[in-house]
Protein backbone atom coordinates (compact mmCIF):
# COMPACT_ATOMS: atom_id res chain seq x y z
CA UNK A 1 129.32 97.14 111.64
CA UNK A 2 129.89 94.86 114.59
CA UNK A 3 128.07 91.56 114.34
CA UNK A 4 126.17 90.00 117.20
CA UNK A 5 123.97 86.96 117.43
CA UNK A 6 120.48 88.05 116.48
CA UNK A 7 118.05 86.58 119.04
CA UNK A 8 115.52 84.37 117.31
CA UNK A 9 111.95 83.84 118.43
CA UNK A 10 108.32 84.31 117.46
CA UNK A 11 107.49 87.67 119.03
CA UNK A 12 106.62 89.04 115.57
CA UNK A 13 105.24 85.84 114.05
CA UNK A 14 102.25 86.61 111.84
CA UNK A 15 103.08 90.35 111.78
CA UNK A 16 103.66 92.27 108.57
CA UNK A 17 104.96 95.75 108.01
CA UNK A 18 106.95 98.28 106.01
CA UNK A 19 110.53 99.41 106.62
CA UNK A 20 111.54 102.67 104.94
CA UNK A 21 115.11 103.95 104.91
CA UNK A 22 117.48 101.00 104.50
CA UNK A 23 120.42 102.33 102.49
CA UNK A 24 123.11 99.76 103.31
CA UNK A 25 124.26 97.39 106.05
CA UNK A 26 125.14 100.31 108.33
CA UNK A 27 121.62 101.76 108.34
CA UNK A 28 119.77 101.81 111.64
CA UNK A 29 116.73 100.65 109.68
CA UNK A 30 118.69 97.57 108.62
CA UNK A 31 119.53 96.72 112.22
CA UNK A 32 115.84 96.96 113.05
CA UNK A 33 114.91 94.86 110.02
CA UNK A 34 117.22 92.02 111.03
CA UNK A 35 115.66 91.87 114.46
CA UNK A 36 112.15 91.96 113.05
CA UNK A 37 112.98 89.12 110.67
CA UNK A 38 114.65 87.08 113.42
CA UNK A 39 111.42 87.32 115.42
CA UNK A 40 109.26 86.10 112.52
CA UNK A 41 107.98 89.29 110.88
CA UNK A 42 107.32 89.69 107.16
CA UNK A 43 108.74 92.93 105.80
CA UNK A 44 108.15 95.10 102.75
CA UNK A 45 111.17 97.31 101.99
CA UNK A 46 111.02 100.59 100.12
CA UNK A 47 113.87 102.06 98.09
CA UNK A 48 114.46 105.09 95.88
CA UNK A 49 116.25 104.55 92.59
CA UNK A 50 117.93 101.63 90.87
CA UNK A 51 121.28 102.25 92.55
CA UNK A 52 119.78 101.90 96.00
CA UNK A 53 117.86 98.81 94.95
CA UNK A 54 121.11 97.13 93.85
CA UNK A 55 122.68 97.83 97.25
CA UNK A 56 119.70 96.84 99.35
CA UNK A 57 118.36 93.78 97.54
CA UNK A 58 121.20 91.45 98.63
CA UNK A 59 120.57 92.49 102.24
CA UNK A 60 116.84 91.86 101.93
CA UNK A 61 117.42 88.45 100.38
CA UNK A 62 119.93 87.56 103.11
CA UNK A 63 117.11 87.50 105.67
CA UNK A 64 114.76 85.55 103.44
CA UNK A 65 112.68 88.48 102.17
CA UNK A 66 111.93 89.57 98.60
CA UNK A 67 109.20 92.24 98.83
CA UNK A 68 110.78 95.50 97.63
CA UNK A 69 108.90 98.55 96.40
CA UNK A 70 110.14 101.79 94.80
CA UNK A 71 109.04 104.84 96.80
CA UNK A 72 109.98 108.51 96.49
CA UNK A 73 108.65 110.33 99.56
CA UNK A 74 108.66 113.64 97.65
CA UNK A 75 106.32 112.30 94.95
CA UNK A 76 102.65 111.62 95.75
CA UNK A 77 102.13 109.32 92.78
CA UNK A 78 105.13 107.21 93.80
CA UNK A 79 103.80 106.96 97.36
CA UNK A 80 100.31 106.08 96.09
CA UNK A 81 101.79 103.21 94.08
CA UNK A 82 104.02 101.98 96.90
CA UNK A 83 101.28 101.70 99.51
CA UNK A 84 98.84 100.32 96.95
CA UNK A 85 101.31 97.50 96.24
CA UNK A 86 101.48 96.62 99.94
CA UNK A 87 97.70 96.72 100.28
CA UNK A 88 97.25 94.53 97.23
CA UNK A 89 99.68 91.91 98.55
CA UNK A 90 98.76 91.88 102.26
CA UNK A 91 95.58 93.88 102.73
CA UNK A 92 96.69 95.18 106.11
CA UNK A 93 99.89 95.74 108.09
CA UNK A 94 100.95 95.79 111.73
CA UNK A 95 103.93 98.14 111.76
CA UNK A 96 105.77 100.91 109.95
CA UNK A 97 109.43 101.82 110.45
CA UNK A 98 110.22 105.31 109.15
CA UNK A 99 113.96 105.99 109.01
CA UNK A 100 114.19 108.71 106.38
CA UNK A 101 115.82 112.13 106.73
CA UNK A 102 117.85 114.41 104.49
CA UNK A 103 119.73 117.69 104.44
CA UNK A 104 122.12 118.85 101.74
CA UNK A 105 125.88 118.88 102.38
CA UNK A 106 125.96 122.65 102.06
CA UNK A 107 123.46 122.94 104.92
CA UNK A 108 125.65 120.79 107.17
CA UNK A 109 128.69 123.05 107.10
CA UNK A 110 129.71 125.74 109.56
CA UNK A 111 127.04 128.28 110.46
CA UNK A 112 123.39 127.26 110.27
CA UNK A 113 122.38 130.91 109.84
CA UNK A 114 124.85 131.55 107.02
CA UNK A 115 124.44 128.29 105.12
CA UNK A 116 120.74 127.45 105.20
CA UNK A 117 119.00 128.34 101.95
CA UNK A 118 115.27 128.55 101.44
CA UNK A 119 115.34 125.54 99.12
CA UNK A 120 117.62 123.57 101.45
CA UNK A 121 115.29 124.25 104.37
CA UNK A 122 112.22 123.30 102.37
CA UNK A 123 113.80 120.08 101.14
CA UNK A 124 115.00 119.03 104.60
CA UNK A 125 111.54 119.61 106.08
CA UNK A 126 109.75 117.90 103.19
CA UNK A 127 111.83 114.72 103.26
CA UNK A 128 112.52 114.53 106.98
CA UNK A 129 109.23 115.75 108.45
CA UNK A 130 106.33 115.84 106.00
CA UNK A 131 107.19 112.35 104.75
CA UNK A 132 106.51 111.03 108.24
CA UNK A 133 103.07 112.63 108.36
CA UNK A 134 102.29 111.24 104.92
CA UNK A 135 103.57 107.74 105.68
CA UNK A 136 101.76 107.64 109.04
CA UNK A 137 98.47 108.52 107.38
CA UNK A 138 98.90 105.93 104.65
CA UNK A 139 100.06 103.20 107.05
CA UNK A 140 97.27 103.87 109.55
CA UNK A 141 94.69 103.24 106.83
CA UNK A 142 96.04 99.68 106.63
CA UNK A 143 96.04 99.08 110.41
CA UNK A 144 92.41 98.17 111.21
CA UNK A 145 93.55 96.10 114.19
CA UNK A 146 95.94 98.71 115.56
CA UNK A 147 99.67 98.69 115.11
CA UNK A 148 102.99 100.36 115.77
CA UNK A 149 104.87 103.20 114.06
CA UNK A 150 108.58 103.58 114.81
CA UNK A 151 110.65 106.58 113.75
CA UNK A 152 114.15 107.98 114.32
CA UNK A 153 115.43 111.19 115.87
CA UNK A 154 118.67 112.50 117.35
CA UNK A 155 119.96 114.66 120.21
CA UNK A 156 120.41 117.55 117.77
CA UNK A 157 116.65 118.11 118.02
CA UNK A 158 117.09 119.25 121.63
CA UNK A 159 120.61 120.64 121.80
CA UNK A 160 122.96 122.43 119.45
CA UNK A 161 125.22 119.87 117.78
CA UNK A 162 127.97 121.49 115.67
CA UNK A 163 127.23 121.28 111.92
CA UNK A 164 123.95 119.39 112.45
CA UNK A 165 122.30 122.70 111.61
CA UNK A 166 119.03 122.51 109.66
CA UNK A 167 118.86 118.77 110.31
CA UNK A 168 118.51 119.57 114.01
CA UNK A 169 115.71 122.02 113.22
CA UNK A 170 113.99 119.37 111.11
CA UNK A 171 114.36 116.75 113.86
CA UNK A 172 112.83 119.15 116.40
CA UNK A 173 109.84 119.58 114.10
CA UNK A 174 109.81 115.83 113.56
CA UNK A 175 109.55 115.14 117.29
CA UNK A 176 106.66 117.58 117.57
CA UNK A 177 104.93 115.82 114.67
CA UNK A 178 105.42 112.44 116.34
CA UNK A 179 103.50 113.63 119.40
CA UNK A 180 100.57 114.73 117.25
CA UNK A 181 100.68 111.43 115.34
CA UNK A 182 100.56 109.55 118.65
CA UNK A 183 97.63 111.70 119.81
CA UNK A 184 95.68 111.33 116.57
CA UNK A 185 96.23 107.62 115.99
CA UNK A 186 96.19 106.42 119.59
CA UNK A 187 92.38 106.00 119.66
CA UNK A 188 92.79 103.55 116.74
CA UNK A 189 95.16 101.41 118.79
CA UNK A 190 98.20 102.64 116.86
CA UNK A 191 101.31 103.50 118.87
CA UNK A 192 103.95 105.97 117.74
CA UNK A 193 107.40 105.66 119.32
CA UNK A 194 110.51 107.71 118.56
CA UNK A 195 113.99 106.18 118.87
CA UNK A 196 117.06 108.33 119.54
CA UNK A 197 119.92 105.90 119.08
CA UNK A 198 122.91 108.15 119.71
CA UNK A 199 125.80 108.58 117.25
CA UNK A 200 125.77 105.63 114.82
CA UNK A 201 128.21 105.51 111.91
CA UNK A 202 125.66 105.48 109.12
CA UNK A 203 126.21 106.81 105.62
CA UNK A 204 124.35 109.99 106.56
CA UNK A 205 126.58 110.54 109.61
CA UNK A 206 129.70 110.62 107.45
CA UNK A 207 128.49 113.91 105.95
CA UNK A 208 128.39 115.63 109.35
CA UNK A 209 131.69 117.47 109.97
CA UNK A 210 133.21 116.51 113.30
CA UNK A 211 131.38 113.18 113.58
CA UNK A 212 134.64 111.28 114.20
CA UNK A 213 135.38 113.46 117.22
CA UNK A 214 131.82 113.00 118.46
CA UNK A 215 132.24 109.23 118.08
CA UNK A 216 135.42 109.15 120.18
CA UNK A 217 133.80 111.27 122.90
CA UNK A 218 130.88 108.87 123.21
CA UNK A 219 133.20 105.87 123.37
CA UNK A 220 135.06 107.33 126.36
CA UNK A 221 132.00 108.75 128.15
CA UNK A 222 129.63 105.77 127.89
CA UNK A 223 130.16 103.57 131.00
CA UNK A 224 130.03 100.31 129.03
CA UNK A 225 131.61 101.70 125.87
CA UNK A 226 129.95 102.63 122.60
CA UNK A 227 130.27 101.01 119.20
CA UNK A 228 129.13 103.60 116.67
CA UNK A 229 129.34 101.06 113.84
CA UNK A 230 126.53 99.02 115.39
CA UNK A 231 123.00 100.19 114.55
CA UNK A 232 121.93 98.79 117.92
CA UNK A 233 123.60 100.47 120.94
CA UNK A 234 126.54 98.42 122.20
CA UNK A 235 125.59 98.19 125.87
CA UNK A 236 123.58 95.00 125.49
CA UNK A 237 123.05 92.02 127.77
CA UNK A 238 120.73 89.13 128.50
CA UNK A 239 118.53 89.98 131.48
CA UNK A 240 117.06 87.45 133.87
CA UNK A 241 114.55 89.17 136.15
CA UNK A 242 113.17 87.93 139.46
CA UNK A 243 110.83 90.12 141.52
CA UNK A 244 109.64 89.71 145.10
CA UNK A 245 106.27 91.41 145.61
CA UNK A 246 103.36 91.37 148.03
CA UNK A 247 101.26 88.23 147.70
CA UNK A 248 98.25 90.21 146.43
CA UNK A 249 100.21 91.90 143.67
CA UNK A 250 100.96 90.91 140.09
CA UNK A 251 103.99 91.91 138.04
CA UNK A 252 104.65 92.26 134.32
CA UNK A 253 107.92 92.62 132.43
CA UNK A 254 109.31 92.51 128.90
CA UNK A 255 109.40 88.73 129.00
CA UNK A 256 106.78 86.08 129.92
CA UNK A 257 106.46 84.90 133.48
CA UNK A 258 107.96 81.45 134.13
CA UNK A 259 106.85 80.84 137.71
CA UNK A 260 105.22 82.43 140.73
CA UNK A 261 105.59 80.99 144.23
CA UNK A 262 104.71 82.10 147.74
CA UNK A 263 107.60 82.68 150.09
CA UNK A 264 107.73 81.49 153.68
CA UNK A 265 105.05 83.22 155.74
CA UNK A 266 102.74 83.72 152.75
CA UNK A 267 102.99 87.52 152.70
CA UNK A 268 105.39 87.72 149.75
CA UNK A 269 105.78 85.85 146.50
CA UNK A 270 108.61 85.43 144.03
CA UNK A 271 107.96 85.92 140.31
CA UNK A 272 110.55 84.66 137.82
CA UNK A 273 110.58 85.85 134.22
CA UNK A 274 112.10 84.25 131.11
CA UNK A 275 115.56 85.48 130.15
CA UNK A 276 115.39 88.33 127.66
CA UNK A 277 117.13 88.37 124.30
CA UNK A 278 120.40 90.28 124.21
CA UNK A 279 119.25 93.89 124.33
CA UNK A 280 120.09 97.39 125.51
CA UNK A 281 119.60 98.29 129.15
CA UNK A 282 117.08 101.03 128.38
CA UNK A 283 114.64 98.42 127.07
CA UNK A 284 114.30 96.64 130.42
CA UNK A 285 110.93 97.38 132.02
CA UNK A 286 108.54 96.07 134.63
CA UNK A 287 105.31 97.03 136.38
CA UNK A 288 104.02 95.90 139.79
CA UNK A 289 100.54 96.50 141.20
CA UNK A 290 97.23 95.05 142.28
CA UNK A 291 96.04 94.05 138.83
CA UNK A 292 93.35 91.72 137.62
CA UNK A 293 94.00 90.12 134.26
CA UNK A 294 92.65 87.73 131.67
CA UNK A 295 94.85 85.81 129.31
CA UNK A 296 94.72 83.72 126.18
CA UNK A 297 97.00 82.40 123.46
CA UNK A 298 97.44 83.45 119.83
CA UNK A 299 97.37 80.96 116.99
CA UNK A 300 101.17 80.92 117.21
CA UNK A 301 101.14 79.97 120.88
CA UNK A 302 102.10 83.38 122.23
CA UNK A 303 100.45 84.15 125.56
CA UNK A 304 98.65 87.49 125.70
CA UNK A 305 97.51 89.12 128.95
CA UNK A 306 95.20 92.09 129.35
CA UNK A 307 95.53 93.66 132.80
CA UNK A 308 93.38 96.19 134.64
CA UNK A 309 93.82 97.85 138.00
CA UNK A 310 91.70 96.00 140.53
CA UNK A 311 89.15 97.79 142.69
């Protein structure tokens, strides 16, 4: 895994949540966990089995965490105990990261039609798809103030990827489920976002025949290169954004506004935003319009704005 300086801050200060699916330092869930921790979040990690606990615990402790819970997503009693432990310790949570999927090796070979068994199909759907429904329900019950659910998918849900086979079928079902989760939980202020990170050299990826060729293709086709050993896409940069808008307009971006000043003539104004942390280009966003807004500050000093379209 390539190492990069994790941006530190307080964007997640006071936030608590669960990360499911860290298997080792190459896991996408581990890359997410490091960023959450660097921004001040408290994290509960789940694991399945003593072997996995031995691998993951040193990672968890390396970012100053110690809350680890056994959880088998195929066992209701295990899941009851896991979420009960989180509720007992924290009462409520703000986020859930679901990064769990599985298909047997025999299902990831050659022909999907020839090699998919009834039991293999059932197991892939149970672990990869139903577990997300189950975890979303359990997590939402501990999000009285709203929250965020993050989950992982891959291009094989939309297109045929050689040897991805039943995993692609499961991911297609998974993406459909995520839309229903977003619809059902949205009125409670709970967001559901799906991340498709591209080919990352995780432990699971090693079991997909032809992954090495796929990796080399991405490295040559991506304009800024692609490091498949990094759980965060390699095309990252620090962004400093300045917008020039009509004087009556307001603008919002990923980062807080630093200054706003009228330009000569008074018809335009320049809005300067704080430099972003080092991040992927697809995360850069902004919105410009005739908004009215109110703002306040959290107990940790983070400014919060609520904007509405003006009449």
